[in-house]
Amino acid sequence: MKSLENYKVILWDFDGVILDSMAIRDQGFVEVLKQYPEVQVNELLAYHRKNGGLSRYVKFRYFFEEIRGEEISNDSVNGLAEQFSNVMKSLLINPNLLISDSLNFIIENAERYKMHIVSGSDGNELKYLCEQLDIDQYFLTIDGSPTPKKQLVKTVLSKFGYAQEDCVLIGDSINDFEAAESNSVDFMGFNNSNLMDIGTSYIKSFK
């Protein structure tokens, strides 16, 4: 079983791996969709929690097309995503939400590994949060949605010319595993015991 020492490049998911943000993400969906029936919003929250690595753009479209059975335009999805982002920017710039286990590892190993963030969160919001939380300097790139995570990983590999065997993606959702697998990159689960038997190995702690 490979350990982190076997790699040169770490691709990090953000929510639930670097920032303990899932409960606040829930709050964002509830706030933006408060005019809709609670039972439908709860159905979306269940989908959101199961698919942590998917973008909000996908989730809002799922809410209208699959849960409500309505068509929704790209402009409307983008508008909802922007509202969501405004809520997130105000609530997530809280250093107390940073996950100390992974953050300490990142700080201590900043010189040892080339590190990137590939997230399902909105890319512009992600860069803003990392700057406000003063962690942006540890990552060569910080990228998010609306580009799908599979494509984000592919772009990093191509742009930097990384060998796939030198790279590992660390995430907390099945979508993270799928993004790694589709790019022939190793995957390590973290902060989600459902991922213990998936991927290369599971990180119980970075210590």
N, C-alpha and C. Protein backbone atom coordinates (compact mmCIF):
# COMPACT_ATOMS: atom_id res chain seq x y z
N MET A 1 0.85 -1.20 0.00
CA MET A 1 0.00 0.00 0.00
C MET A 1 0.88 1.25 0.00
N LYS A 2 0.62 2.15 -0.92
CA LYS A 2 1.46 3.35 -1.05
C LYS A 2 1.10 4.38 0.02
N SER A 3 2.13 5.11 0.46
CA SER A 3 1.90 6.21 1.40
C SER A 3 2.18 7.52 0.67
N LEU A 4 1.88 8.63 1.32
CA LEU A 4 2.07 9.94 0.69
C LEU A 4 3.52 10.18 0.30
N GLU A 5 4.43 9.52 0.98
CA GLU A 5 5.86 9.70 0.68
C GLU A 5 6.21 9.23 -0.73
N ASN A 6 5.34 8.41 -1.33
CA ASN A 6 5.61 7.89 -2.67
C ASN A 6 5.26 8.88 -3.79
N TYR A 7 4.73 10.03 -3.44
CA TYR A 7 4.25 10.97 -4.46
C TYR A 7 5.03 12.28 -4.44
N LYS A 8 4.94 12.99 -5.55
CA LYS A 8 5.55 14.31 -5.68
C LYS A 8 4.51 15.42 -5.76
N VAL A 9 3.29 15.03 -6.15
CA VAL A 9 2.22 16.00 -6.41
C VAL A 9 0.96 15.59 -5.65
N ILE A 10 0.36 16.54 -4.93
CA ILE A 10 -0.91 16.27 -4.25
C ILE A 10 -1.98 17.21 -4.80
N LEU A 11 -3.07 16.61 -5.27
CA LEU A 11 -4.25 17.36 -5.71
C LEU A 11 -5.27 17.28 -4.58
N TRP A 12 -5.63 18.42 -4.04
CA TRP A 12 -6.51 18.47 -2.88
C TRP A 12 -7.93 18.85 -3.27
N ASP A 13 -8.89 18.12 -2.74
CA ASP A 13 -10.26 18.63 -2.68
C ASP A 13 -10.27 19.70 -1.59
N PHE A 14 -11.31 20.49 -1.53
CA PHE A 14 -11.34 21.60 -0.57
C PHE A 14 -12.35 21.37 0.56
N ASP A 15 -13.63 21.30 0.20
CA ASP A 15 -14.68 21.16 1.21
C ASP A 15 -14.60 19.80 1.90
N GLY A 16 -14.51 19.83 3.21
CA GLY A 16 -14.45 18.59 3.98
C GLY A 16 -13.06 18.00 4.10
N VAL A 17 -12.10 18.61 3.37
CA VAL A 17 -10.71 18.11 3.41
C VAL A 17 -9.78 19.18 3.98
N ILE A 18 -9.93 20.40 3.49
CA ILE A 18 -9.15 21.53 4.01
C ILE A 18 -10.03 22.44 4.88
N LEU A 19 -11.28 22.59 4.47
CA LEU A 19 -12.22 23.45 5.21
C LEU A 19 -13.45 22.65 5.62
N ASP A 20 -13.82 22.73 6.89
CA ASP A 20 -15.00 22.02 7.40
C ASP A 20 -16.24 22.85 7.09
N SER A 21 -16.68 22.73 5.85
CA SER A 21 -17.68 23.68 5.32
C SER A 21 -19.03 23.05 4.99
N MET A 22 -19.15 21.74 5.13
CA MET A 22 -20.36 21.09 4.61
C MET A 22 -21.64 21.59 5.26
N ALA A 23 -21.63 21.81 6.56
CA ALA A 23 -22.84 22.28 7.25
C ALA A 23 -23.23 23.68 6.74
N ILE A 24 -22.22 24.49 6.45
CA ILE A 24 -22.50 25.85 5.96
C ILE A 24 -22.95 25.80 4.50
N ARG A 25 -22.42 24.86 3.73
CA ARG A 25 -22.93 24.67 2.36
C ARG A 25 -24.42 24.31 2.42
N ASP A 26 -24.80 23.44 3.35
CA ASP A 26 -26.21 23.11 3.55
C ASP A 26 -27.03 24.39 3.75
N GLN A 27 -26.52 25.21 4.64
CA GLN A 27 -27.19 26.48 4.99
C GLN A 27 -27.39 27.35 3.74
N GLY A 28 -26.39 27.34 2.86
CA GLY A 28 -26.47 28.13 1.63
C GLY A 28 -27.61 27.68 0.74
N PHE A 29 -27.77 26.38 0.56
CA PHE A 29 -28.87 25.87 -0.27
C PHE A 29 -30.23 26.21 0.36
N VAL A 30 -30.31 26.06 1.68
CA VAL A 30 -31.56 26.38 2.38
C VAL A 30 -31.92 27.86 2.18
N GLU A 31 -30.93 28.74 2.29
CA GLU A 31 -31.16 30.17 2.16
C GLU A 31 -31.59 30.54 0.74
N VAL A 32 -30.87 30.04 -0.25
CA VAL A 32 -31.14 30.41 -1.65
C VAL A 32 -32.47 29.83 -2.13
N LEU A 33 -32.86 28.67 -1.60
CA LEU A 33 -34.08 28.00 -2.07
C LEU A 33 -35.22 28.09 -1.05
N LYS A 34 -35.19 29.12 -0.20
CA LYS A 34 -36.16 29.21 0.91
C LYS A 34 -37.61 29.37 0.45
N GLN A 35 -37.81 29.80 -0.80
CA GLN A 35 -39.19 29.97 -1.30
C GLN A 35 -39.81 28.66 -1.77
N TYR A 36 -39.02 27.58 -1.79
CA TYR A 36 -39.51 26.29 -2.29
C TYR A 36 -39.86 25.36 -1.13
N PRO A 37 -40.69 24.32 -1.38
CA PRO A 37 -41.12 23.43 -0.30
C PRO A 37 -39.94 22.77 0.42
N GLU A 38 -40.04 22.74 1.73
CA GLU A 38 -38.96 22.21 2.57
C GLU A 38 -38.63 20.77 2.21
N VAL A 39 -39.65 19.98 1.89
CA VAL A 39 -39.42 18.57 1.58
C VAL A 39 -38.56 18.44 0.32
N GLN A 40 -38.73 19.35 -0.64
CA GLN A 40 -37.92 19.32 -1.86
C GLN A 40 -36.49 19.77 -1.58
N VAL A 41 -36.35 20.79 -0.75
CA VAL A 41 -35.01 21.28 -0.39
C VAL A 41 -34.26 20.19 0.38
N ASN A 42 -34.96 19.48 1.25
CA ASN A 42 -34.33 18.39 2.00
C ASN A 42 -33.85 17.27 1.07
N GLU A 43 -34.62 17.04 0.01
CA GLU A 43 -34.21 16.04 -0.98
C GLU A 43 -32.92 16.48 -1.68
N LEU A 44 -32.83 17.77 -1.97
CA LEU A 44 -31.61 18.30 -2.56
C LEU A 44 -30.43 18.17 -1.59
N LEU A 45 -30.67 18.48 -0.31
CA LEU A 45 -29.59 18.39 0.68
C LEU A 45 -29.05 16.96 0.77
N ALA A 46 -29.93 15.98 0.67
CA ALA A 46 -29.49 14.57 0.70
C ALA A 46 -28.60 14.29 -0.52
N TYR A 47 -29.00 14.80 -1.67
CA TYR A 47 -28.21 14.63 -2.90
C TYR A 47 -26.87 15.35 -2.78
N HIS A 48 -26.90 16.54 -2.22
CA HIS A 48 -25.69 17.36 -2.02
C HIS A 48 -24.69 16.64 -1.12
N ARG A 49 -25.18 16.07 -0.02
CA ARG A 49 -24.28 15.39 0.93
C ARG A 49 -23.69 14.12 0.33
N LYS A 50 -24.46 13.47 -0.50
CA LYS A 50 -24.00 12.22 -1.13
C LYS A 50 -22.98 12.51 -2.23
N ASN A 51 -23.08 13.70 -2.82
CA ASN A 51 -22.25 14.06 -3.97
C ASN A 51 -21.44 15.32 -3.68
N GLY A 52 -20.63 15.24 -2.62
CA GLY A 52 -19.88 16.40 -2.17
C GLY A 52 -19.02 17.04 -3.23
N GLY A 53 -18.47 16.23 -4.14
CA GLY A 53 -17.54 16.77 -5.13
C GLY A 53 -18.19 17.42 -6.34
N LEU A 54 -19.52 17.30 -6.47
CA LEU A 54 -20.20 17.91 -7.61
C LEU A 54 -20.39 19.41 -7.39
N SER A 55 -20.43 20.15 -8.48
CA SER A 55 -20.57 21.60 -8.37
C SER A 55 -22.00 22.01 -8.03
N ARG A 56 -22.15 23.20 -7.50
CA ARG A 56 -23.48 23.75 -7.19
C ARG A 56 -24.31 23.94 -8.45
N TYR A 57 -23.64 24.15 -9.57
CA TYR A 57 -24.36 24.32 -10.85
C TYR A 57 -25.12 23.04 -11.17
N VAL A 58 -24.45 21.91 -10.99
CA VAL A 58 -25.08 20.60 -11.21
C VAL A 58 -26.21 20.40 -10.20
N LYS A 59 -25.97 20.80 -8.95
CA LYS A 59 -26.95 20.56 -7.89
C LYS A 59 -28.22 21.42 -8.06
N PHE A 60 -28.04 22.68 -8.45
CA PHE A 60 -29.23 23.51 -8.69
C PHE A 60 -30.03 22.97 -9.88
N ARG A 61 -29.34 22.55 -10.91
CA ARG A 61 -30.04 21.98 -12.07
C ARG A 61 -30.77 20.70 -11.67
N TYR A 62 -30.13 19.88 -10.84
CA TYR A 62 -30.77 18.66 -10.35
C TYR A 62 -32.04 19.00 -9.57
N PHE A 63 -31.97 20.04 -8.75
CA PHE A 63 -33.12 20.43 -7.93
C PHE A 63 -34.34 20.74 -8.81
N PHE A 64 -34.12 21.52 -9.85
CA PHE A 64 -35.26 21.91 -10.69
C PHE A 64 -35.68 20.81 -11.66
N GLU A 65 -34.72 20.18 -12.31
CA GLU A 65 -35.08 19.22 -13.35
C GLU A 65 -35.50 17.86 -12.80
N GLU A 66 -34.80 17.39 -11.75
CA GLU A 66 -35.10 16.05 -11.23
C GLU A 66 -36.08 16.07 -10.07
N ILE A 67 -35.94 17.02 -9.16
CA ILE A 67 -36.81 17.05 -7.98
C ILE A 67 -38.12 17.76 -8.28
N ARG A 68 -38.04 18.90 -8.96
CA ARG A 68 -39.26 19.68 -9.25
C ARG A 68 -39.85 19.38 -10.64
N GLY A 69 -39.08 18.73 -11.50
CA GLY A 69 -39.58 18.40 -12.83
C GLY A 69 -39.80 19.62 -13.70
N GLU A 70 -38.95 20.63 -13.55
CA GLU A 70 -39.06 21.87 -14.31
C GLU A 70 -37.80 22.09 -15.15
N GLU A 71 -37.97 22.81 -16.23
CA GLU A 71 -36.79 23.24 -16.99
C GLU A 71 -36.21 24.49 -16.32
N ILE A 72 -34.90 24.65 -16.43
CA ILE A 72 -34.26 25.86 -15.90
C ILE A 72 -33.15 26.28 -16.86
N SER A 73 -33.06 27.57 -17.11
CA SER A 73 -32.06 28.09 -18.06
C SER A 73 -30.69 28.18 -17.41
N ASN A 74 -29.66 28.24 -18.23
CA ASN A 74 -28.30 28.43 -17.73
C ASN A 74 -28.19 29.73 -16.94
N ASP A 75 -28.85 30.79 -17.43
CA ASP A 75 -28.81 32.08 -16.75
C ASP A 75 -29.39 31.98 -15.34
N SER A 76 -30.49 31.24 -15.21
CA SER A 76 -31.10 31.08 -13.89
C SER A 76 -30.21 30.28 -12.95
N VAL A 77 -29.60 29.23 -13.48
CA VAL A 77 -28.66 28.43 -12.67
C VAL A 77 -27.50 29.31 -12.21
N ASN A 78 -26.97 30.11 -13.14
CA ASN A 78 -25.84 31.00 -12.80
C ASN A 78 -26.24 32.03 -11.74
N GLY A 79 -27.48 32.52 -11.84
CA GLY A 79 -27.97 33.48 -10.85
C GLY A 79 -28.07 32.89 -9.46
N LEU A 80 -28.58 31.66 -9.39
CA LEU A 80 -28.68 30.96 -8.10
C LEU A 80 -27.29 30.67 -7.54
N ALA A 81 -26.38 30.28 -8.42
CA ALA A 81 -25.01 30.00 -7.99
C ALA A 81 -24.33 31.25 -7.44
N GLU A 82 -24.64 32.39 -8.04
CA GLU A 82 -24.06 33.65 -7.56
C GLU A 82 -24.61 34.02 -6.19
N GLN A 83 -25.92 33.84 -6.01
CA GLN A 83 -26.52 34.08 -4.68
C GLN A 83 -25.86 33.17 -3.63
N PHE A 84 -25.71 31.93 -4.01
CA PHE A 84 -25.10 30.94 -3.11
C PHE A 84 -23.68 31.37 -2.74
N SER A 85 -22.95 31.83 -3.74
CA SER A 85 -21.56 32.24 -3.52
C SER A 85 -21.47 33.42 -2.56
N ASN A 86 -22.40 34.36 -2.68
CA ASN A 86 -22.40 35.52 -1.78
C ASN A 86 -22.60 35.10 -0.33
N VAL A 87 -23.50 34.12 -0.13
CA VAL A 87 -23.73 33.59 1.23
C VAL A 87 -22.45 32.92 1.74
N MET A 88 -21.81 32.14 0.87
CA MET A 88 -20.59 31.40 1.26
C MET A 88 -19.45 32.35 1.62
N LYS A 89 -19.28 33.39 0.82
CA LYS A 89 -18.17 34.32 1.06
C LYS A 89 -18.29 34.98 2.43
N SER A 90 -19.52 35.22 2.85
CA SER A 90 -19.71 35.88 4.14
C SER A 90 -19.53 34.91 5.32
N LEU A 91 -19.84 33.64 5.11
CA LEU A 91 -19.85 32.68 6.22
C LEU A 91 -18.58 31.83 6.34
N LEU A 92 -17.85 31.65 5.22
CA LEU A 92 -16.75 30.69 5.22
C LEU A 92 -15.37 31.30 5.48
N ILE A 93 -15.27 32.63 5.55
CA ILE A 93 -13.95 33.21 5.83
C ILE A 93 -13.70 33.22 7.35
N ASN A 94 -13.81 32.03 7.90
CA ASN A 94 -13.66 31.83 9.34
C ASN A 94 -12.52 30.84 9.56
N PRO A 95 -11.37 31.30 10.06
CA PRO A 95 -10.22 30.41 10.25
C PRO A 95 -10.52 29.20 11.13
N ASN A 96 -11.53 29.33 11.99
CA ASN A 96 -11.88 28.20 12.87
C ASN A 96 -12.44 27.01 12.09
N LEU A 97 -12.83 27.25 10.84
CA LEU A 97 -13.38 26.16 10.01
C LEU A 97 -12.28 25.36 9.31
N LEU A 98 -11.05 25.87 9.32
CA LEU A 98 -9.95 25.14 8.70
C LEU A 98 -9.70 23.84 9.47
N ILE A 99 -9.49 22.76 8.75
CA ILE A 99 -9.27 21.45 9.37
C ILE A 99 -7.78 21.35 9.72
N SER A 100 -7.46 21.42 11.00
CA SER A 100 -6.07 21.56 11.44
C SER A 100 -5.19 20.38 11.02
N ASP A 101 -5.75 19.18 11.00
CA ASP A 101 -4.97 17.99 10.65
C ASP A 101 -4.37 18.13 9.25
N SER A 102 -5.22 18.41 8.26
CA SER A 102 -4.73 18.54 6.89
C SER A 102 -3.96 19.84 6.69
N LEU A 103 -4.43 20.92 7.31
CA LEU A 103 -3.76 22.21 7.13
C LEU A 103 -2.32 22.17 7.66
N ASN A 104 -2.12 21.58 8.82
CA ASN A 104 -0.77 21.48 9.37
C ASN A 104 0.15 20.68 8.45
N PHE A 105 -0.40 19.62 7.87
CA PHE A 105 0.39 18.83 6.91
C PHE A 105 0.77 19.68 5.70
N ILE A 106 -0.18 20.44 5.19
CA ILE A 106 0.07 21.29 4.02
C ILE A 106 1.17 22.31 4.32
N ILE A 107 1.08 22.96 5.47
CA ILE A 107 2.07 23.98 5.85
C ILE A 107 3.45 23.36 6.03
N GLU A 108 3.47 22.21 6.72
CA GLU A 108 4.76 21.57 7.02
C GLU A 108 5.43 20.97 5.78
N ASN A 109 4.63 20.65 4.76
CA ASN A 109 5.17 19.98 3.57
C ASN A 109 5.09 20.82 2.30
N ALA A 110 4.96 22.12 2.48
CA ALA A 110 4.81 23.03 1.33
C ALA A 110 5.99 22.96 0.37
N GLU A 111 7.17 22.68 0.90
CA GLU A 111 8.37 22.61 0.06
C GLU A 111 8.57 21.21 -0.53
N ARG A 112 7.98 20.23 0.11
CA ARG A 112 8.22 18.83 -0.29
C ARG A 112 7.37 18.41 -1.51
N TYR A 113 6.12 18.88 -1.54
CA TYR A 113 5.20 18.48 -2.60
C TYR A 113 4.78 19.68 -3.45
N LYS A 114 4.46 19.41 -4.71
CA LYS A 114 3.75 20.38 -5.52
C LYS A 114 2.27 20.16 -5.24
N MET A 115 1.55 21.22 -4.84
CA MET A 115 0.17 21.06 -4.39
C MET A 115 -0.79 21.94 -5.19
N HIS A 116 -1.95 21.38 -5.47
CA HIS A 116 -3.00 22.07 -6.23
C HIS A 116 -4.34 21.80 -5.55
N ILE A 117 -5.27 22.73 -5.68
CA ILE A 117 -6.66 22.50 -5.25
C ILE A 117 -7.52 22.28 -6.48
N VAL A 118 -8.27 21.17 -6.49
CA VAL A 118 -9.26 20.88 -7.54
C VAL A 118 -10.58 20.62 -6.82
N SER A 119 -11.50 21.55 -6.92
CA SER A 119 -12.70 21.51 -6.08
C SER A 119 -13.99 21.62 -6.88
N GLY A 120 -15.07 21.12 -6.29
CA GLY A 120 -16.39 21.30 -6.87
C GLY A 120 -16.97 22.67 -6.54
N SER A 121 -16.32 23.40 -5.63
CA SER A 121 -16.79 24.75 -5.29
C SER A 121 -16.50 25.71 -6.43
N ASP A 122 -17.23 26.81 -6.47
CA ASP A 122 -17.03 27.82 -7.50
C ASP A 122 -15.58 28.32 -7.49
N GLY A 123 -14.96 28.36 -8.66
CA GLY A 123 -13.55 28.70 -8.75
C GLY A 123 -13.20 30.07 -8.21
N ASN A 124 -13.99 31.09 -8.56
CA ASN A 124 -13.71 32.46 -8.10
C ASN A 124 -13.88 32.57 -6.58
N GLU A 125 -14.94 31.95 -6.09
CA GLU A 125 -15.19 31.95 -4.64
C GLU A 125 -14.05 31.24 -3.89
N LEU A 126 -13.59 30.15 -4.47
CA LEU A 126 -12.52 29.35 -3.87
C LEU A 126 -11.24 30.18 -3.73
N LYS A 127 -10.88 30.88 -4.79
CA LYS A 127 -9.67 31.73 -4.74
C LYS A 127 -9.83 32.82 -3.68
N TYR A 128 -11.03 33.40 -3.61
CA TYR A 128 -11.31 34.44 -2.61
C TYR A 128 -11.15 33.88 -1.19
N LEU A 129 -11.73 32.72 -0.94
CA LEU A 129 -11.66 32.11 0.40
C LEU A 129 -10.22 31.79 0.78
N CYS A 130 -9.47 31.23 -0.16
CA CYS A 130 -8.08 30.86 0.14
C CYS A 130 -7.23 32.10 0.44
N GLU A 131 -7.50 33.18 -0.29
CA GLU A 131 -6.78 34.43 -0.02
C GLU A 131 -7.16 34.98 1.36
N GLN A 132 -8.45 35.01 1.66
CA GLN A 132 -8.91 35.55 2.93
C GLN A 132 -8.42 34.71 4.12
N LEU A 133 -8.32 33.41 3.90
CA LEU A 133 -7.86 32.51 4.96
C LEU A 133 -6.33 32.38 4.99
N ASP A 134 -5.69 33.08 4.06
CA ASP A 134 -4.22 33.15 3.99
C ASP A 134 -3.58 31.78 3.79
N ILE A 135 -4.18 30.99 2.90
CA ILE A 135 -3.59 29.68 2.59
C ILE A 135 -3.26 29.55 1.10
N ASP A 136 -3.54 30.59 0.32
CA ASP A 136 -3.36 30.50 -1.13
C ASP A 136 -1.91 30.25 -1.53
N GLN A 137 -0.96 30.70 -0.69
CA GLN A 137 0.46 30.60 -1.06
C GLN A 137 0.98 29.17 -1.09
N TYR A 138 0.21 28.23 -0.54
CA TYR A 138 0.67 26.84 -0.50
C TYR A 138 0.35 26.05 -1.77
N PHE A 139 -0.42 26.66 -2.68
CA PHE A 139 -0.91 25.92 -3.85
C PHE A 139 -0.48 26.58 -5.15
N LEU A 140 -0.02 25.77 -6.09
CA LEU A 140 0.39 26.29 -7.39
C LEU A 140 -0.82 26.75 -8.20
N THR A 141 -1.94 26.03 -8.08
CA THR A 141 -3.19 26.46 -8.72
C THR A 141 -4.34 26.18 -7.77
N ILE A 142 -5.39 26.99 -7.89
CA ILE A 142 -6.63 26.82 -7.11
C ILE A 142 -7.77 26.93 -8.10
N ASP A 143 -8.41 25.80 -8.40
CA ASP A 143 -9.45 25.79 -9.43
C ASP A 143 -10.70 25.06 -8.96
N GLY A 144 -11.84 25.52 -9.48
CA GLY A 144 -13.12 24.92 -9.12
C GLY A 144 -14.12 24.95 -10.25
N SER A 145 -15.39 24.82 -9.89
CA SER A 145 -16.47 24.78 -10.88
C SER A 145 -16.67 26.18 -11.49
N PRO A 146 -17.35 26.31 -12.62
CA PRO A 146 -18.20 25.26 -13.23
C PRO A 146 -17.47 24.17 -14.01
N THR A 147 -16.16 24.25 -14.16
CA THR A 147 -15.45 23.15 -14.84
C THR A 147 -15.54 21.89 -13.99
N PRO A 148 -15.97 20.75 -14.58
CA PRO A 148 -16.06 19.50 -13.81
C PRO A 148 -14.69 19.08 -13.26
N LYS A 149 -14.71 18.41 -12.12
CA LYS A 149 -13.46 18.04 -11.44
C LYS A 149 -12.59 17.14 -12.31
N LYS A 150 -13.19 16.23 -13.06
CA LYS A 150 -12.41 15.35 -13.94
C LYS A 150 -11.56 16.18 -14.90
N GLN A 151 -12.17 17.26 -15.42
CA GLN A 151 -11.45 18.12 -16.36
C GLN A 151 -10.39 18.95 -15.63
N LEU A 152 -10.68 19.39 -14.41
CA LEU A 152 -9.70 20.16 -13.63
C LEU A 152 -8.42 19.34 -13.42
N VAL A 153 -8.61 18.07 -13.07
CA VAL A 153 -7.46 17.18 -12.84
C VAL A 153 -6.68 17.00 -14.14
N LYS A 154 -7.42 16.74 -15.21
CA LYS A 154 -6.79 16.54 -16.53
C LYS A 154 -5.97 17.76 -16.93
N THR A 155 -6.51 18.95 -16.69
CA THR A 155 -5.82 20.20 -17.05
C THR A 155 -4.53 20.38 -16.26
N VAL A 156 -4.58 20.10 -14.95
CA VAL A 156 -3.37 20.23 -14.12
C VAL A 156 -2.28 19.27 -14.62
N LEU A 157 -2.65 18.03 -14.89
CA LEU A 157 -1.67 17.04 -15.37
C LEU A 157 -1.02 17.50 -16.67
N SER A 158 -1.86 18.00 -17.57
CA SER A 158 -1.38 18.44 -18.88
C SER A 158 -0.54 19.70 -18.79
N LYS A 159 -1.03 20.69 -18.07
CA LYS A 159 -0.37 22.00 -17.98
C LYS A 159 1.02 21.89 -17.35
N PHE A 160 1.15 21.06 -16.32
CA PHE A 160 2.42 20.96 -15.59
C PHE A 160 3.26 19.76 -16.03
N GLY A 161 2.70 18.95 -16.93
CA GLY A 161 3.46 17.81 -17.44
C GLY A 161 3.77 16.75 -16.39
N TYR A 162 2.87 16.57 -15.43
CA TYR A 162 3.10 15.59 -14.37
C TYR A 162 2.92 14.17 -14.88
N ALA A 163 3.76 13.27 -14.39
CA ALA A 163 3.54 11.84 -14.62
C ALA A 163 2.42 11.39 -13.68
N GLN A 164 1.49 10.62 -14.19
CA GLN A 164 0.33 10.21 -13.38
C GLN A 164 0.73 9.48 -12.11
N GLU A 165 1.79 8.66 -12.20
CA GLU A 165 2.21 7.87 -11.04
C GLU A 165 2.81 8.74 -9.93
N ASP A 166 3.15 9.98 -10.25
CA ASP A 166 3.69 10.90 -9.24
C ASP A 166 2.60 11.64 -8.47
N CYS A 167 1.34 11.47 -8.89
CA CYS A 167 0.23 12.29 -8.37
C CYS A 167 -0.76 11.47 -7.56
N VAL A 168 -1.32 12.12 -6.54
CA VAL A 168 -2.42 11.53 -5.77
C VAL A 168 -3.46 12.62 -5.52
N LEU A 169 -4.72 12.23 -5.59
CA LEU A 169 -5.82 13.14 -5.27
C LEU A 169 -6.37 12.74 -3.90
N ILE A 170 -6.48 13.71 -3.01
CA ILE A 170 -7.04 13.47 -1.67
C ILE A 170 -8.41 14.12 -1.60
N GLY A 171 -9.45 13.32 -1.31
CA GLY A 171 -10.80 13.86 -1.27
C GLY A 171 -11.69 13.13 -0.31
N ASP A 172 -12.91 13.65 -0.15
CA ASP A 172 -13.84 13.05 0.82
C ASP A 172 -15.15 12.59 0.17
N SER A 173 -15.13 12.42 -1.16
CA SER A 173 -16.39 11.99 -1.80
C SER A 173 -16.10 11.03 -2.96
N ILE A 174 -17.11 10.29 -3.34
CA ILE A 174 -16.99 9.35 -4.46
C ILE A 174 -16.69 10.10 -5.75
N ASN A 175 -17.14 11.36 -5.87
CA ASN A 175 -16.86 12.15 -7.06
C ASN A 175 -15.36 12.44 -7.18
N ASP A 176 -14.70 12.61 -6.03
CA ASP A 176 -13.25 12.81 -6.04
C ASP A 176 -12.54 11.56 -6.56
N PHE A 177 -12.99 10.41 -6.08
CA PHE A 177 -12.42 9.14 -6.54
C PHE A 177 -12.60 8.98 -8.05
N GLU A 178 -13.79 9.31 -8.53
CA GLU A 178 -14.07 9.17 -9.97
C GLU A 178 -13.21 10.11 -10.80
N ALA A 179 -12.96 11.32 -10.28
CA ALA A 179 -12.11 12.29 -11.00
C ALA A 179 -10.68 11.78 -11.08
N ALA A 180 -10.21 11.15 -10.00
CA ALA A 180 -8.86 10.58 -10.00
C ALA A 180 -8.79 9.38 -10.94
N GLU A 181 -9.77 8.49 -10.82
CA GLU A 181 -9.78 7.26 -11.61
C GLU A 181 -9.83 7.56 -13.11
N SER A 182 -10.63 8.55 -13.50
CA SER A 182 -10.78 8.86 -14.93
C SER A 182 -9.49 9.43 -15.52
N ASN A 183 -8.59 9.91 -14.64
CA ASN A 183 -7.30 10.45 -15.09
C ASN A 183 -6.13 9.52 -14.74
N SER A 184 -6.44 8.30 -14.32
CA SER A 184 -5.43 7.29 -13.95
C SER A 184 -4.46 7.81 -12.89
N VAL A 185 -5.04 8.53 -11.92
CA VAL A 185 -4.28 9.07 -10.79
C VAL A 185 -4.73 8.35 -9.52
N ASP A 186 -3.82 8.09 -8.61
CA ASP A 186 -4.17 7.43 -7.35
C ASP A 186 -5.10 8.33 -6.52
N PHE A 187 -5.88 7.68 -5.67
CA PHE A 187 -6.84 8.40 -4.81
C PHE A 187 -6.68 7.94 -3.37
N MET A 188 -6.70 8.90 -2.45
CA MET A 188 -6.75 8.60 -1.02
C MET A 188 -7.95 9.32 -0.41
N GLY A 189 -8.80 8.57 0.26
CA GLY A 189 -9.95 9.15 0.94
C GLY A 189 -9.56 9.74 2.27
N PHE A 190 -10.32 10.73 2.70
CA PHE A 190 -10.08 11.39 3.99
C PHE A 190 -11.40 11.94 4.50
N ASN A 191 -11.63 11.82 5.81
CA ASN A 191 -12.78 12.45 6.46
C ASN A 191 -14.13 11.92 5.98
N ASN A 192 -14.14 10.68 5.50
CA ASN A 192 -15.40 10.03 5.10
C ASN A 192 -15.16 8.53 5.14
N SER A 193 -15.63 7.89 6.21
CA SER A 193 -15.35 6.46 6.42
C SER A 193 -15.94 5.57 5.32
N ASN A 194 -16.89 6.10 4.55
CA ASN A 194 -17.46 5.32 3.44
C ASN A 194 -16.43 5.07 2.34
N LEU A 195 -15.33 5.81 2.37
CA LEU A 195 -14.30 5.68 1.34
C LEU A 195 -13.15 4.78 1.76
N MET A 196 -13.26 4.14 2.91
CA MET A 196 -12.15 3.35 3.45
C MET A 196 -11.67 2.25 2.52
N ASP A 197 -12.58 1.67 1.76
CA ASP A 197 -12.22 0.54 0.89
C ASP A 197 -12.12 0.95 -0.58
N ILE A 198 -12.04 2.25 -0.81
CA ILE A 198 -11.97 2.76 -2.19
C ILE A 198 -10.64 3.45 -2.41
N GLY A 199 -10.04 3.22 -3.59
CA GLY A 199 -8.82 3.93 -3.92
C GLY A 199 -7.57 3.22 -3.42
N THR A 200 -6.47 3.97 -3.38
CA THR A 200 -5.15 3.42 -3.04
C THR A 200 -5.05 3.13 -1.54
N SER A 201 -5.46 4.08 -0.73
CA SER A 201 -5.48 3.89 0.73
C SER A 201 -6.36 4.98 1.34
N TYR A 202 -6.53 4.90 2.65
CA TYR A 202 -7.39 5.86 3.36
C TYR A 202 -6.56 6.55 4.43
N ILE A 203 -6.71 7.88 4.53
CA ILE A 203 -5.97 8.66 5.50
C ILE A 203 -6.85 8.89 6.73
N LYS A 204 -6.53 8.23 7.83
CA LYS A 204 -7.27 8.47 9.06
C LYS A 204 -6.78 9.75 9.72
N SER A 205 -5.50 10.02 9.58
CA SER A 205 -4.90 11.24 10.11
C SER A 205 -3.60 11.51 9.35
N PHE A 206 -3.27 12.79 9.19
CA PHE A 206 -2.02 13.15 8.53
C PHE A 206 -0.84 13.14 9.50
N LYS A 207 -1.12 13.00 10.78
CA LYS A 207 -0.05 13.06 11.78
C LYS A 207 0.87 11.83 11.65
